[in-house]
Amino acid sequence: MVPLLLVLLLAVLLLGAGFALEILWWVAAVVLVLWVLGFIVRPAGHGGGRGRWYRW
């Protein structure tokens, strides 16, 4: 009985980790697209040059 519970617990943990990693890949893809768009669509800075799209 105990080995069966351990295998089920391991399966649940691996399934949860796989789902979390899948979500993290999608989040990373969205952040990458926004980062690239930030370079393309950045506003003009002082003096007519290309400004920085980030604040720091």
Protein backbone atom coordinates (compact mmCIF):
# COMPACT_ATOMS: atom_id res chain seq x y z
CA MET A 1 0.00 0.00 0.00
CA VAL A 2 2.79 2.45 0.89
CA PRO A 3 4.69 1.97 -2.42
CA LEU A 4 1.48 2.61 -4.34
CA LEU A 5 0.90 5.85 -2.43
CA LEU A 6 4.50 6.93 -3.04
CA VAL A 7 4.17 6.29 -6.79
CA LEU A 8 0.89 8.22 -6.91
CA LEU A 9 2.43 11.08 -4.95
CA LEU A 10 5.41 11.15 -7.31
CA ALA A 11 3.09 11.16 -10.33
CA VAL A 12 1.09 14.09 -8.92
CA LEU A 13 4.28 16.05 -8.19
CA LEU A 14 5.70 15.46 -11.66
CA LEU A 15 2.40 16.37 -13.31
CA GLY A 16 2.25 19.58 -11.29
CA ALA A 17 5.85 20.46 -12.13
CA GLY A 18 5.26 19.79 -15.83
CA PHE A 19 2.19 22.02 -15.84
CA ALA A 20 4.06 24.80 -14.01
CA LEU A 21 6.98 24.58 -16.44
CA GLU A 22 4.61 24.75 -19.40
CA ILE A 23 3.07 27.94 -18.00
CA LEU A 24 6.54 29.39 -17.37
CA TRP A 25 7.50 28.76 -21.02
CA TRP A 26 4.40 30.67 -22.18
CA VAL A 27 5.11 33.53 -19.75
CA ALA A 28 8.73 33.70 -20.99
CA ALA A 29 7.53 33.81 -24.63
CA VAL A 30 5.12 36.68 -23.88
CA VAL A 31 7.81 38.64 -22.02
CA LEU A 32 10.23 38.13 -24.92
CA VAL A 33 7.67 39.44 -27.42
CA LEU A 34 6.96 42.49 -25.25
CA TRP A 35 10.69 43.11 -24.85
CA VAL A 36 11.25 43.04 -28.61
CA LEU A 37 8.22 45.26 -29.21
CA GLY A 38 9.66 47.72 -26.68
CA PHE A 39 12.71 48.18 -28.90
CA ILE A 40 10.61 48.57 -32.06
CA VAL A 41 7.91 50.93 -30.74
CA ARG A 42 9.86 53.10 -28.36
CA PRO A 43 9.00 56.81 -28.29
CA ALA A 44 11.33 59.58 -29.41
CA GLY A 45 13.52 60.97 -26.67
CA HIS A 46 14.77 64.51 -26.10
CA GLY A 47 16.28 66.04 -29.22
CA GLY A 48 14.39 63.84 -31.63
CA GLY A 49 16.53 60.74 -31.03
CA ARG A 50 15.27 57.35 -30.06
CA GLY A 51 14.54 57.29 -26.35
CA ARG A 52 14.87 54.51 -23.87
CA TRP A 53 11.72 52.46 -23.38
CA TYR A 54 12.69 51.50 -19.84
CA ARG A 55 12.78 53.91 -16.89
CA TRP A 56 16.00 52.98 -15.09
